[in-house]
Amino acid sequence: MTTPEKKSEATALAEAAFIAAQLVWLIGTGGFAWILRDGLGPDAVTTAGESAFARTFWTFYWGPVCMALLVVDVFWWRSRRHRND
């Protein structure tokens, strides 16, 4: 069977699963990294501005993984565009 865009159901399911995994990483892990960036408990420190962003970016390597997923998305969308032309 195919979807209205002429994709197989397996391909459509794989795309949906990949997008869902990206959202879980972006929101779920990103939110957790934001909370943990300064530490928990009595040793916690408060950061703001660039320091807060940098600490969140490197917590669980959240930022580099987001960048890698963005690169994969760009290549994926470009390949889909060329396939549809």
PDB file of N, CA and C in Angstrom:
ATOM      1  N   MET A   1       0.835  -1.173   0.000  1.00  0.00           N
ATOM      2  CA  MET A   1       0.000   0.000   0.000  1.00  0.00           C
ATOM      3  C   MET A   1       0.885   1.243   0.000  1.00  0.00           C
ATOM      4  N   THR A   2       0.316   2.315  -0.511  1.00  0.00           N
ATOM      5  CA  THR A   2       1.054   3.566  -0.551  1.00  0.00           C
ATOM      6  C   THR A   2       0.205   4.683   0.042  1.00  0.00           C
ATOM      7  N   THR A   3       0.879   5.739   0.463  1.00  0.00           N
ATOM      8  CA  THR A   3       0.201   6.924   0.982  1.00  0.00           C
ATOM      9  C   THR A   3      -0.159   7.827  -0.194  1.00  0.00           C
ATOM     10  N   PRO A   4      -0.945   8.881   0.040  1.00  0.00           N
ATOM     11  CA  PRO A   4      -1.288   9.785  -1.067  1.00  0.00           C
ATOM     12  C   PRO A   4      -0.071  10.412  -1.741  1.00  0.00           C
ATOM     13  N   GLU A   5       1.055  10.527  -1.031  1.00  0.00           N
ATOM     14  CA  GLU A   5       2.265  11.095  -1.623  1.00  0.00           C
ATOM     15  C   GLU A   5       3.096  10.044  -2.353  1.00  0.00           C
ATOM     16  N   LYS A   6       2.534   8.871  -2.579  1.00  0.00           N
ATOM     17  CA  LYS A   6       3.189   7.774  -3.297  1.00  0.00           C
ATOM     18  C   LYS A   6       4.367   7.179  -2.518  1.00  0.00           C
ATOM     19  N   LYS A   7       4.318   7.261  -1.181  1.00  0.00           N
ATOM     20  CA  LYS A   7       5.342   6.629  -0.355  1.00  0.00           C
ATOM     21  C   LYS A   7       4.781   5.319   0.179  1.00  0.00           C
ATOM     22  N   SER A   8       5.646   4.382   0.410  1.00  0.00           N
ATOM     23  CA  SER A   8       5.179   3.154   1.035  1.00  0.00           C
ATOM     24  C   SER A   8       4.851   3.452   2.493  1.00  0.00           C
ATOM     25  N   GLU A   9       4.007   2.623   3.068  1.00  0.00           N
ATOM     26  CA  GLU A   9       3.631   2.826   4.466  1.00  0.00           C
ATOM     27  C   GLU A   9       4.839   2.679   5.384  1.00  0.00           C
ATOM     28  N   ALA A  10       5.757   1.794   5.034  1.00  0.00           N
ATOM     29  CA  ALA A  10       6.956   1.610   5.853  1.00  0.00           C
ATOM     30  C   ALA A  10       7.817   2.868   5.839  1.00  0.00           C
ATOM     31  N   THR A  11       7.938   3.495   4.679  1.00  0.00           N
ATOM     32  CA  THR A  11       8.715   4.732   4.578  1.00  0.00           C
ATOM     33  C   THR A  11       8.052   5.844   5.373  1.00  0.00           C
ATOM     34  N   ALA A  12       6.739   5.966   5.256  1.00  0.00           N
ATOM     35  CA  ALA A  12       6.012   6.993   6.001  1.00  0.00           C
ATOM     36  C   ALA A  12       6.135   6.757   7.504  1.00  0.00           C
ATOM     37  N   LEU A  13       6.076   5.508   7.935  1.00  0.00           N
ATOM     38  CA  LEU A  13       6.217   5.182   9.349  1.00  0.00           C
ATOM     39  C   LEU A  13       7.626   5.494   9.844  1.00  0.00           C
ATOM     40  N   ALA A  14       8.639   5.193   9.036  1.00  0.00           N
ATOM     41  CA  ALA A  14      10.021   5.485   9.416  1.00  0.00           C
ATOM     42  C   ALA A  14      10.242   6.993   9.548  1.00  0.00           C
ATOM     43  N   GLU A  15       9.669   7.769   8.631  1.00  0.00           N
ATOM     44  CA  GLU A  15       9.795   9.226   8.716  1.00  0.00           C
ATOM     45  C   GLU A  15       9.122   9.761   9.969  1.00  0.00           C
ATOM     46  N   ALA A  16       7.929   9.255  10.260  1.00  0.00           N
ATOM     47  CA  ALA A  16       7.204   9.701  11.451  1.00  0.00           C
ATOM     48  C   ALA A  16       7.958   9.325  12.725  1.00  0.00           C
ATOM     49  N   ALA A  17       8.543   8.137  12.756  1.00  0.00           N
ATOM     50  CA  ALA A  17       9.307   7.706  13.927  1.00  0.00           C
ATOM     51  C   ALA A  17      10.556   8.566  14.116  1.00  0.00           C
ATOM     52  N   PHE A  18      11.211   8.918  13.023  1.00  0.00           N
ATOM     53  CA  PHE A  18      12.405   9.749  13.109  1.00  0.00           C
ATOM     54  C   PHE A  18      12.063  11.155  13.610  1.00  0.00           C
ATOM     55  N   ILE A  19      10.979  11.707  13.113  1.00  0.00           N
ATOM     56  CA  ILE A  19      10.548  13.033  13.562  1.00  0.00           C
ATOM     57  C   ILE A  19      10.142  12.986  15.033  1.00  0.00           C
ATOM     58  N   ALA A  20       9.455  11.933  15.450  1.00  0.00           N
ATOM     59  CA  ALA A  20       9.071  11.794  16.856  1.00  0.00           C
ATOM     60  C   ALA A  20      10.305  11.680  17.745  1.00  0.00           C
ATOM     61  N   ALA A  21      11.302  10.930  17.299  1.00  0.00           N
ATOM     62  CA  ALA A  21      12.537  10.801  18.084  1.00  0.00           C
ATOM     63  C   ALA A  21      13.246  12.144  18.202  1.00  0.00           C
ATOM     64  N   GLN A  22      13.208  12.931  17.134  1.00  0.00           N
ATOM     65  CA  GLN A  22      13.821  14.263  17.193  1.00  0.00           C
ATOM     66  C   GLN A  22      13.101  15.150  18.199  1.00  0.00           C
ATOM     67  N   LEU A  23      11.782  15.108  18.206  1.00  0.00           N
ATOM     68  CA  LEU A  23      11.028  15.922  19.150  1.00  0.00           C
ATOM     69  C   LEU A  23      11.279  15.496  20.589  1.00  0.00           C
ATOM     70  N   VAL A  24      11.364  14.194  20.826  1.00  0.00           N
ATOM     71  CA  VAL A  24      11.670  13.710  22.172  1.00  0.00           C
ATOM     72  C   VAL A  24      13.043  14.205  22.601  1.00  0.00           C
ATOM     73  N   TRP A  25      14.010  14.145  21.690  1.00  0.00           N
ATOM     74  CA  TRP A  25      15.360  14.616  22.028  1.00  0.00           C
ATOM     75  C   TRP A  25      15.360  16.115  22.284  1.00  0.00           C
ATOM     76  N   LEU A  26      14.722  16.858  21.393  1.00  0.00           N
ATOM     77  CA  LEU A  26      14.727  18.311  21.497  1.00  0.00           C
ATOM     78  C   LEU A  26      14.014  18.791  22.756  1.00  0.00           C
ATOM     79  N   ILE A  27      12.807  18.305  22.990  1.00  0.00           N
ATOM     80  CA  ILE A  27      12.008  18.796  24.103  1.00  0.00           C
ATOM     81  C   ILE A  27      12.309  18.043  25.396  1.00  0.00           C
ATOM     82  N   GLY A  28      12.280  16.722  25.331  1.00  0.00           N
ATOM     83  CA  GLY A  28      12.471  15.927  26.536  1.00  0.00           C
ATOM     84  C   GLY A  28      13.863  16.043  27.120  1.00  0.00           C
ATOM     85  N   THR A  29      14.848  15.722  26.316  1.00  0.00           N
ATOM     86  CA  THR A  29      16.224  15.789  26.795  1.00  0.00           C
ATOM     87  C   THR A  29      16.675  17.233  26.963  1.00  0.00           C
ATOM     88  N   GLY A  30      16.211  18.119  26.078  1.00  0.00           N
ATOM     89  CA  GLY A  30      16.564  19.532  26.199  1.00  0.00           C
ATOM     90  C   GLY A  30      16.050  20.144  27.485  1.00  0.00           C
ATOM     91  N   GLY A  31      14.819  19.822  27.838  1.00  0.00           N
ATOM     92  CA  GLY A  31      14.262  20.314  29.104  1.00  0.00           C
ATOM     93  C   GLY A  31      15.006  19.764  30.301  1.00  0.00           C
ATOM     94  N   PHE A  32      15.344  18.491  30.251  1.00  0.00           N
ATOM     95  CA  PHE A  32      16.099  17.868  31.340  1.00  0.00           C
ATOM     96  C   PHE A  32      17.493  18.480  31.442  1.00  0.00           C
ATOM     97  N   ALA A  33      18.135  18.722  30.309  1.00  0.00           N
ATOM     98  CA  ALA A  33      19.464  19.347  30.312  1.00  0.00           C
ATOM     99  C   ALA A  33      19.390  20.766  30.862  1.00  0.00           C
ATOM    100  N   TRP A  34      18.322  21.492  30.535  1.00  0.00           N
ATOM    101  CA  TRP A  34      18.150  22.861  31.044  1.00  0.00           C
ATOM    102  C   TRP A  34      18.051  22.849  32.569  1.00  0.00           C
ATOM    103  N   ILE A  35      17.301  21.894  33.105  1.00  0.00           N
ATOM    104  CA  ILE A  35      17.149  21.798  34.559  1.00  0.00           C
ATOM    105  C   ILE A  35      18.466  21.423  35.221  1.00  0.00           C
ATOM    106  N   LEU A  36      19.196  20.487  34.614  1.00  0.00           N
ATOM    107  CA  LEU A  36      20.429  19.990  35.231  1.00  0.00           C
ATOM    108  C   LEU A  36      21.661  20.842  34.946  1.00  0.00           C
ATOM    109  N   ARG A  37      21.570  21.841  34.096  1.00  0.00           N
ATOM    110  CA  ARG A  37      22.753  22.594  33.669  1.00  0.00           C
ATOM    111  C   ARG A  37      23.517  23.213  34.818  1.00  0.00           C
ATOM    112  N   ASP A  38      22.825  23.652  35.866  1.00  0.00           N
ATOM    113  CA  ASP A  38      23.476  24.317  36.995  1.00  0.00           C
ATOM    114  C   ASP A  38      23.683  23.387  38.174  1.00  0.00           C
ATOM    115  N   GLY A  39      23.215  22.163  38.053  1.00  0.00           N
ATOM    116  CA  GLY A  39      23.355  21.223  39.151  1.00  0.00           C
ATOM    117  C   GLY A  39      22.133  21.247  40.049  1.00  0.00           C
ATOM    118  N   LEU A  40      22.045  20.260  40.901  1.00  0.00           N
ATOM    119  CA  LEU A  40      20.938  20.157  41.839  1.00  0.00           C
ATOM    120  C   LEU A  40      21.491  20.137  43.254  1.00  0.00           C
ATOM    121  N   GLY A  41      20.670  20.517  44.187  1.00  0.00           N
ATOM    122  CA  GLY A  41      21.063  20.449  45.588  1.00  0.00           C
ATOM    123  C   GLY A  41      21.780  21.689  46.071  1.00  0.00           C
ATOM    124  N   PRO A  42      22.455  21.559  47.203  1.00  0.00           N
ATOM    125  CA  PRO A  42      23.095  22.731  47.813  1.00  0.00           C
ATOM    126  C   PRO A  42      24.291  23.262  47.015  1.00  0.00           C
ATOM    127  N   ASP A  43      24.858  22.472  46.131  1.00  0.00           N
ATOM    128  CA  ASP A  43      26.008  22.918  45.338  1.00  0.00           C
ATOM    129  C   ASP A  43      25.589  23.596  44.035  1.00  0.00           C
ATOM    130  N   ALA A  44      24.299  23.819  43.835  1.00  0.00           N
ATOM    131  CA  ALA A  44      23.810  24.416  42.591  1.00  0.00           C
ATOM    132  C   ALA A  44      24.282  25.860  42.466  1.00  0.00           C
ATOM    133  N   VAL A  45      24.591  26.248  41.238  1.00  0.00           N
ATOM    134  CA  VAL A  45      24.973  27.623  40.941  1.00  0.00           C
ATOM    135  C   VAL A  45      23.998  28.168  39.900  1.00  0.00           C
ATOM    136  N   THR A  46      23.835  29.464  39.873  1.00  0.00           N
ATOM    137  CA  THR A  46      22.920  30.083  38.925  1.00  0.00           C
ATOM    138  C   THR A  46      23.710  30.665  37.764  1.00  0.00           C
ATOM    139  N   THR A  47      23.294  30.330  36.544  1.00  0.00           N
ATOM    140  CA  THR A  47      23.921  30.903  35.360  1.00  0.00           C
ATOM    141  C   THR A  47      22.864  31.643  34.560  1.00  0.00           C
ATOM    142  N   ALA A  48      23.322  32.576  33.755  1.00  0.00           N
ATOM    143  CA  ALA A  48      22.413  33.340  32.899  1.00  0.00           C
ATOM    144  C   ALA A  48      23.137  33.690  31.611  1.00  0.00           C
ATOM    145  N   GLY A  49      22.367  34.036  30.605  1.00  0.00           N
ATOM    146  CA  GLY A  49      22.936  34.496  29.343  1.00  0.00           C
ATOM    147  C   GLY A  49      23.686  33.426  28.583  1.00  0.00           C
ATOM    148  N   GLU A  50      24.851  33.813  28.036  1.00  0.00           N
ATOM    149  CA  GLU A  50      25.647  32.895  27.218  1.00  0.00           C
ATOM    150  C   GLU A  50      26.132  31.694  28.015  1.00  0.00           C
ATOM    151  N   SER A  51      26.447  31.908  29.257  1.00  0.00           N
ATOM    152  CA  SER A  51      26.927  30.807  30.097  1.00  0.00           C
ATOM    153  C   SER A  51      25.852  29.739  30.261  1.00  0.00           C
ATOM    154  N   ALA A  52      24.601  30.155  30.472  1.00  0.00           N
ATOM    155  CA  ALA A  52      23.507  29.195  30.614  1.00  0.00           C
ATOM    156  C   ALA A  52      23.301  28.417  29.316  1.00  0.00           C
ATOM    157  N   PHE A  53      23.359  29.124  28.189  1.00  0.00           N
ATOM    158  CA  PHE A  53      23.190  28.454  26.897  1.00  0.00           C
ATOM    159  C   PHE A  53      24.314  27.456  26.650  1.00  0.00           C
ATOM    160  N   ALA A  54      25.552  27.863  26.926  1.00  0.00           N
ATOM    161  CA  ALA A  54      26.694  26.973  26.696  1.00  0.00           C
ATOM    162  C   ALA A  54      26.623  25.740  27.586  1.00  0.00           C
ATOM    163  N   ARG A  55      26.239  25.916  28.827  1.00  0.00           N
ATOM    164  CA  ARG A  55      26.149  24.756  29.725  1.00  0.00           C
ATOM    165  C   ARG A  55      25.029  23.811  29.291  1.00  0.00           C
ATOM    166  N   THR A  56      23.901  24.367  28.847  1.00  0.00           N
ATOM    167  CA  THR A  56      22.813  23.524  28.358  1.00  0.00           C
ATOM    168  C   THR A  56      23.224  22.805  27.075  1.00  0.00           C
ATOM    169  N   PHE A  57      23.923  23.520  26.193  1.00  0.00           N
ATOM    170  CA  PHE A  57      24.363  22.958  24.913  1.00  0.00           C
ATOM    171  C   PHE A  57      25.217  21.715  25.123  1.00  0.00           C
ATOM    172  N   TRP A  58      26.069  21.721  26.124  1.00  0.00           N
ATOM    173  CA  TRP A  58      26.983  20.605  26.334  1.00  0.00           C
ATOM    174  C   TRP A  58      26.488  19.572  27.343  1.00  0.00           C
ATOM    175  N   THR A  59      25.378  19.829  28.039  1.00  0.00           N
ATOM    176  CA  THR A  59      24.832  18.843  28.970  1.00  0.00           C
ATOM    177  C   THR A  59      24.257  17.691  28.153  1.00  0.00           C
ATOM    178  N   PHE A  60      24.731  16.490  28.414  1.00  0.00           N
ATOM    179  CA  PHE A  60      24.345  15.277  27.662  1.00  0.00           C
ATOM    180  C   PHE A  60      24.654  15.415  26.179  1.00  0.00           C
ATOM    181  N   TYR A  61      25.546  16.320  25.797  1.00  0.00           N
ATOM    182  CA  TYR A  61      25.846  16.613  24.388  1.00  0.00           C
ATOM    183  C   TYR A  61      24.565  16.919  23.628  1.00  0.00           C
ATOM    184  N   TRP A  62      23.648  17.601  24.298  1.00  0.00           N
ATOM    185  CA  TRP A  62      22.349  17.923  23.709  1.00  0.00           C
ATOM    186  C   TRP A  62      22.500  18.789  22.455  1.00  0.00           C
ATOM    187  N   GLY A  63      23.296  19.809  22.519  1.00  0.00           N
ATOM    188  CA  GLY A  63      23.471  20.718  21.383  1.00  0.00           C
ATOM    189  C   GLY A  63      24.096  20.056  20.161  1.00  0.00           C
ATOM    190  N   PRO A  64      25.224  19.347  20.323  1.00  0.00           N
ATOM    191  CA  PRO A  64      25.807  18.680  19.147  1.00  0.00           C
ATOM    192  C   PRO A  64      24.871  17.655  18.509  1.00  0.00           C
ATOM    193  N   VAL A  65      24.107  16.942  19.317  1.00  0.00           N
ATOM    194  CA  VAL A  65      23.156  15.978  18.750  1.00  0.00           C
ATOM    195  C   VAL A  65      22.065  16.714  17.976  1.00  0.00           C
ATOM    196  N   CYS A  66      21.589  17.843  18.501  1.00  0.00           N
ATOM    197  CA  CYS A  66      20.595  18.646  17.771  1.00  0.00           C
ATOM    198  C   CYS A  66      21.163  19.129  16.445  1.00  0.00           C
ATOM    199  N   MET A  67      22.406  19.552  16.446  1.00  0.00           N
ATOM    200  CA  MET A  67      23.035  20.010  15.200  1.00  0.00           C
ATOM    201  C   MET A  67      23.161  18.855  14.209  1.00  0.00           C
ATOM    202  N   ALA A  68      23.544  17.683  14.684  1.00  0.00           N
ATOM    203  CA  ALA A  68      23.664  16.516  13.803  1.00  0.00           C
ATOM    204  C   ALA A  68      22.299  16.144  13.219  1.00  0.00           C
ATOM    205  N   LEU A  69      21.256  16.193  14.053  1.00  0.00           N
ATOM    206  CA  LEU A  69      19.916  15.894  13.554  1.00  0.00           C
ATOM    207  C   LEU A  69      19.463  16.927  12.525  1.00  0.00           C
ATOM    208  N   LEU A  70      19.839  18.167  12.714  1.00  0.00           N
ATOM    209  CA  LEU A  70      19.512  19.210  11.743  1.00  0.00           C
ATOM    210  C   LEU A  70      20.193  18.940  10.400  1.00  0.00           C
ATOM    211  N   VAL A  71      21.445  18.521  10.436  1.00  0.00           N
ATOM    212  CA  VAL A  71      22.167  18.197   9.203  1.00  0.00           C
ATOM    213  C   VAL A  71      21.495  17.008   8.495  1.00  0.00           C
ATOM    214  N   VAL A  72      21.121  15.996   9.263  1.00  0.00           N
ATOM    215  CA  VAL A  72      20.435  14.839   8.674  1.00  0.00           C
ATOM    216  C   VAL A  72      19.128  15.277   8.030  1.00  0.00           C
ATOM    217  N   ASP A  73      18.382  16.160   8.708  1.00  0.00           N
ATOM    218  CA  ASP A  73      17.129  16.657   8.145  1.00  0.00           C
ATOM    219  C   ASP A  73      17.349  17.394   6.826  1.00  0.00           C
ATOM    220  N   VAL A  74      18.351  18.237   6.779  1.00  0.00           N
ATOM    221  CA  VAL A  74      18.621  18.998   5.556  1.00  0.00           C
ATOM    222  C   VAL A  74      18.927  18.052   4.401  1.00  0.00           C
ATOM    223  N   PHE A  75      19.796  17.065   4.625  1.00  0.00           N
ATOM    224  CA  PHE A  75      20.103  16.105   3.563  1.00  0.00           C
ATOM    225  C   PHE A  75      18.878  15.290   3.171  1.00  0.00           C
ATOM    226  N   TRP A  76      18.085  14.908   4.154  1.00  0.00           N
ATOM    227  CA  TRP A  76      16.891  14.117   3.903  1.00  0.00           C
ATOM    228  C   TRP A  76      15.894  14.906   3.065  1.00  0.00           C
ATOM    229  N   TRP A  77      15.622  16.153   3.436  1.00  0.00           N
ATOM    230  CA  TRP A  77      14.670  16.962   2.686  1.00  0.00           C
ATOM    231  C   TRP A  77      15.172  17.271   1.285  1.00  0.00           C
ATOM    232  N   ARG A  78      16.464  17.509   1.145  1.00  0.00           N
ATOM    233  CA  ARG A  78      17.011  17.764  -0.188  1.00  0.00           C
ATOM    234  C   ARG A  78      16.895  16.526  -1.073  1.00  0.00           C
ATOM    235  N   SER A  79      17.158  15.352  -0.506  1.00  0.00           N
ATOM    236  CA  SER A  79      17.046  14.133  -1.308  1.00  0.00           C
ATOM    237  C   SER A  79      15.593  13.873  -1.691  1.00  0.00           C
ATOM    238  N   ARG A  80      14.652  14.182  -0.809  1.00  0.00           N
ATOM    239  CA  ARG A  80      13.231  14.020  -1.137  1.00  0.00           C
ATOM    240  C   ARG A  80      12.826  14.983  -2.231  1.00  0.00           C
ATOM    241  N   ARG A  81      13.345  16.203  -2.204  1.00  0.00           N
ATOM    242  CA  ARG A  81      13.011  17.194  -3.225  1.00  0.00           C
ATOM    243  C   ARG A  81      13.507  16.737  -4.581  1.00  0.00           C
ATOM    244  N   HIS A  82      14.733  16.187  -4.608  1.00  0.00           N
ATOM    245  CA  HIS A  82      15.284  15.731  -5.883  1.00  0.00           C
ATOM    246  C   HIS A  82      14.544  14.499  -6.400  1.00  0.00           C
ATOM    247  N   ARG A  83      14.065  13.640  -5.515  1.00  0.00           N
ATOM    248  CA  ARG A  83      13.304  12.473  -5.918  1.00  0.00           C
ATOM    249  C   ARG A  83      11.952  12.860  -6.513  1.00  0.00           C
ATOM    250  N   ASN A  84      11.351  13.927  -5.973  1.00  0.00           N
ATOM    251  CA  ASN A  84      10.023  14.342  -6.436  1.00  0.00           C
ATOM    252  C   ASN A  84      10.075  15.154  -7.723  1.00  0.00           C
ATOM    253  N   ASP A  85      11.228  15.675  -8.111  1.00  0.00           N
ATOM    254  CA  ASP A  85      11.348  16.452  -9.354  1.00  0.00           C
ATOM    255  C   ASP A  85      11.375  15.579 -10.575  1.00  0.00           C
TER     256      ASP A  85
END
